[in-house]
Amino acid sequence: MVGRAPAARNTPLQRFPTAFPLTALLPRNYSFHMAEHDKSSNLDLELKRLEKRLEELVATVHRLKEENRALRARQDSLASEKTTVMNRSEQVRARVEAMIGRLKAMERTA
């Protein structure tokens, strides 16, 4: 039987001639190129998805670095302001204590 699949296989596709190179006896893609195209297409999609995710992560890192920089600057500013307020508070306390001392001295002399 020329042009037919070997008789050893009992598949419904054995009845069709194998003269057509794109016709396969087993269900699969018509050509190796199609199978490779599907794989590379899936790989391209996965790579694009990963690239997008990586870009999102890089943007998040940049945003967090900027936010961290701003927070550190704010912290430095607040620490400086705290020091200034504490110094002024100490000066006011010293002035009030001096005034109280003078008032007590005035009471003793009067």
C-alpha atoms as a PDB file:
ATOM      1  CA  MET A   1       0.000   0.000   0.000  1.00  0.00           C
ATOM      2  CA  VAL A   2       1.849   2.997  -1.210  1.00  0.00           C
ATOM      3  CA  GLY A   3       0.726   6.376   0.087  1.00  0.00           C
ATOM      4  CA  ARG A   4      -0.934   5.022   3.213  1.00  0.00           C
ATOM      5  CA  ALA A   5       0.169   4.937   6.825  1.00  0.00           C
ATOM      6  CA  PRO A   6       1.585   1.645   8.093  1.00  0.00           C
ATOM      7  CA  ALA A   7      -1.064  -0.931   8.910  1.00  0.00           C
ATOM      8  CA  ALA A   8       0.419  -1.606  12.344  1.00  0.00           C
ATOM      9  CA  ARG A   9      -1.323   1.474  13.711  1.00  0.00           C
ATOM     10  CA  ASN A  10      -5.041   1.347  14.213  1.00  0.00           C
ATOM     11  CA  THR A  11      -5.991   5.021  14.022  1.00  0.00           C
ATOM     12  CA  PRO A  12      -8.775   6.669  12.035  1.00  0.00           C
ATOM     13  CA  LEU A  13      -6.175   8.766  10.239  1.00  0.00           C
ATOM     14  CA  GLN A  14      -4.664   5.717   8.534  1.00  0.00           C
ATOM     15  CA  ARG A  15      -7.240   5.922   5.786  1.00  0.00           C
ATOM     16  CA  PHE A  16      -5.915   9.253   4.523  1.00  0.00           C
ATOM     17  CA  PRO A  17      -2.985   9.334   2.121  1.00  0.00           C
ATOM     18  CA  THR A  18       0.300  10.705   3.464  1.00  0.00           C
ATOM     19  CA  ALA A  19       1.066  12.390   0.160  1.00  0.00           C
ATOM     20  CA  PHE A  20       0.222  15.722   1.751  1.00  0.00           C
ATOM     21  CA  PRO A  21       3.225  16.802   3.806  1.00  0.00           C
ATOM     22  CA  LEU A  22       1.212  19.015   6.164  1.00  0.00           C
ATOM     23  CA  THR A  23      -1.177  16.199   7.096  1.00  0.00           C
ATOM     24  CA  ALA A  24       0.012  14.390  10.174  1.00  0.00           C
ATOM     25  CA  LEU A  25      -1.040  11.049  11.584  1.00  0.00           C
ATOM     26  CA  LEU A  26      -0.997  12.496  15.089  1.00  0.00           C
ATOM     27  CA  PRO A  27      -2.904  15.580  16.135  1.00  0.00           C
ATOM     28  CA  ARG A  28      -0.369  18.427  16.439  1.00  0.00           C
ATOM     29  CA  ASN A  29       0.536  21.725  14.822  1.00  0.00           C
ATOM     30  CA  TYR A  30       0.848  21.645  11.060  1.00  0.00           C
ATOM     31  CA  SER A  31       4.457  22.657  11.147  1.00  0.00           C
ATOM     32  CA  PHE A  32       7.347  22.916  13.537  1.00  0.00           C
ATOM     33  CA  HIS A  33       7.443  26.651  12.827  1.00  0.00           C
ATOM     34  CA  MET A  34       3.910  27.082  14.171  1.00  0.00           C
ATOM     35  CA  ALA A  35       4.800  25.255  17.369  1.00  0.00           C
ATOM     36  CA  GLU A  36       7.914  27.388  17.791  1.00  0.00           C
ATOM     37  CA  HIS A  37       5.911  30.522  16.984  1.00  0.00           C
ATOM     38  CA  ASP A  38       3.406  29.679  19.737  1.00  0.00           C
ATOM     39  CA  LYS A  39       6.236  29.077  22.205  1.00  0.00           C
ATOM     40  CA  SER A  40       8.038  32.269  21.238  1.00  0.00           C
ATOM     41  CA  SER A  41       4.744  34.171  21.299  1.00  0.00           C
ATOM     42  CA  ASN A  42       4.044  32.926  24.825  1.00  0.00           C
ATOM     43  CA  LEU A  43       7.619  33.716  25.800  1.00  0.00           C
ATOM     44  CA  ASP A  44       7.297  37.218  24.308  1.00  0.00           C
ATOM     45  CA  LEU A  45       4.077  37.783  26.247  1.00  0.00           C
ATOM     46  CA  GLU A  46       5.686  36.593  29.466  1.00  0.00           C
ATOM     47  CA  LEU A  47       8.753  38.751  28.860  1.00  0.00           C
ATOM     48  CA  LYS A  48       6.559  41.806  28.183  1.00  0.00           C
ATOM     49  CA  ARG A  49       4.584  41.095  31.350  1.00  0.00           C
ATOM     50  CA  LEU A  50       7.798  40.775  33.360  1.00  0.00           C
ATOM     51  CA  GLU A  51       9.223  43.918  31.740  1.00  0.00           C
ATOM     52  CA  LYS A  52       6.091  45.878  32.672  1.00  0.00           C
ATOM     53  CA  ARG A  53       6.222  44.560  36.238  1.00  0.00           C
ATOM     54  CA  LEU A  54       9.917  45.436  36.465  1.00  0.00           C
ATOM     55  CA  GLU A  55       9.195  48.977  35.243  1.00  0.00           C
ATOM     56  CA  GLU A  56       6.467  49.276  37.877  1.00  0.00           C
ATOM     57  CA  LEU A  57       8.861  48.086  40.571  1.00  0.00           C
ATOM     58  CA  VAL A  58      11.584  50.500  39.435  1.00  0.00           C
ATOM     59  CA  ALA A  59       9.063  53.361  39.493  1.00  0.00           C
ATOM     60  CA  THR A  60       7.975  52.296  42.987  1.00  0.00           C
ATOM     61  CA  VAL A  61      11.587  52.212  44.164  1.00  0.00           C
ATOM     62  CA  HIS A  62      12.186  55.714  42.763  1.00  0.00           C
ATOM     63  CA  ARG A  63       8.994  57.010  44.384  1.00  0.00           C
ATOM     64  CA  LEU A  64       9.905  55.441  47.730  1.00  0.00           C
ATOM     65  CA  LYS A  65      13.453  56.826  47.562  1.00  0.00           C
ATOM     66  CA  GLU A  66      12.083  60.317  46.909  1.00  0.00           C
ATOM     67  CA  GLU A  67       9.525  59.940  49.694  1.00  0.00           C
ATOM     68  CA  ASN A  68      12.268  58.683  52.035  1.00  0.00           C
ATOM     69  CA  ARG A  69      14.468  61.662  51.115  1.00  0.00           C
ATOM     70  CA  ALA A  70      11.605  64.073  51.800  1.00  0.00           C
ATOM     71  CA  LEU A  71      10.824  62.391  55.128  1.00  0.00           C
ATOM     72  CA  ARG A  72      14.467  62.561  56.212  1.00  0.00           C
ATOM     73  CA  ALA A  73      14.586  66.249  55.284  1.00  0.00           C
ATOM     74  CA  ARG A  74      11.384  66.833  57.273  1.00  0.00           C
ATOM     75  CA  GLN A  75      12.820  64.903  60.213  1.00  0.00           C
ATOM     76  CA  ASP A  76      16.004  67.014  60.121  1.00  0.00           C
ATOM     77  CA  SER A  77      13.904  70.179  59.960  1.00  0.00           C
ATOM     78  CA  LEU A  78      11.765  69.092  62.915  1.00  0.00           C
ATOM     79  CA  ALA A  79      14.840  68.105  64.949  1.00  0.00           C
ATOM     80  CA  SER A  80      16.335  71.538  64.298  1.00  0.00           C
ATOM     81  CA  GLU A  81      13.061  73.211  65.241  1.00  0.00           C
ATOM     82  CA  LYS A  82      12.891  71.133  68.430  1.00  0.00           C
ATOM     83  CA  THR A  83      16.409  72.244  69.378  1.00  0.00           C
ATOM     84  CA  THR A  84      15.460  75.878  68.772  1.00  0.00           C
ATOM     85  CA  VAL A  85      12.276  75.573  70.854  1.00  0.00           C
ATOM     86  CA  MET A  86      14.153  73.840  73.681  1.00  0.00           C
ATOM     87  CA  ASN A  87      16.806  76.584  73.698  1.00  0.00           C
ATOM     88  CA  ARG A  88      14.147  79.312  73.783  1.00  0.00           C
ATOM     89  CA  SER A  89      12.291  77.442  76.510  1.00  0.00           C
ATOM     90  CA  GLU A  90      15.486  77.248  78.559  1.00  0.00           C
ATOM     91  CA  GLN A  91      16.084  80.978  78.054  1.00  0.00           C
ATOM     92  CA  VAL A  92      12.512  81.791  79.138  1.00  0.00           C
ATOM     93  CA  ARG A  93      12.832  79.518  82.184  1.00  0.00           C
ATOM     94  CA  ALA A  94      16.081  81.255  83.181  1.00  0.00           C
ATOM     95  CA  ARG A  95      14.469  84.692  82.774  1.00  0.00           C
ATOM     96  CA  VAL A  96      11.405  83.688  84.829  1.00  0.00           C
ATOM     97  CA  GLU A  97      13.642  82.269  87.599  1.00  0.00           C
ATOM     98  CA  ALA A  98      15.645  85.514  87.602  1.00  0.00           C
ATOM     99  CA  MET A  99      12.461  87.579  87.851  1.00  0.00           C
ATOM    100  CA  ILE A 100      11.188  85.425  90.731  1.00  0.00           C
ATOM    101  CA  GLY A 101      14.560  85.874  92.474  1.00  0.00           C
ATOM    102  CA  ARG A 102      14.363  89.645  92.061  1.00  0.00           C
ATOM    103  CA  LEU A 103      10.747  89.714  93.334  1.00  0.00           C
ATOM    104  CA  LYS A 104      11.735  87.701  96.429  1.00  0.00           C
ATOM    105  CA  ALA A 105      14.652  90.044  96.990  1.00  0.00           C
ATOM    106  CA  MET A 106      12.336  93.057  96.709  1.00  0.00           C
ATOM    107  CA  GLU A 107       9.943  91.486  99.269  1.00  0.00           C
ATOM    108  CA  ARG A 108      12.767  90.965 101.762  1.00  0.00           C
ATOM    109  CA  THR A 109      13.918  94.539 101.474  1.00  0.00           C
ATOM    110  CA  ALA A 110      10.474  96.023 101.705  1.00  0.00           C
END
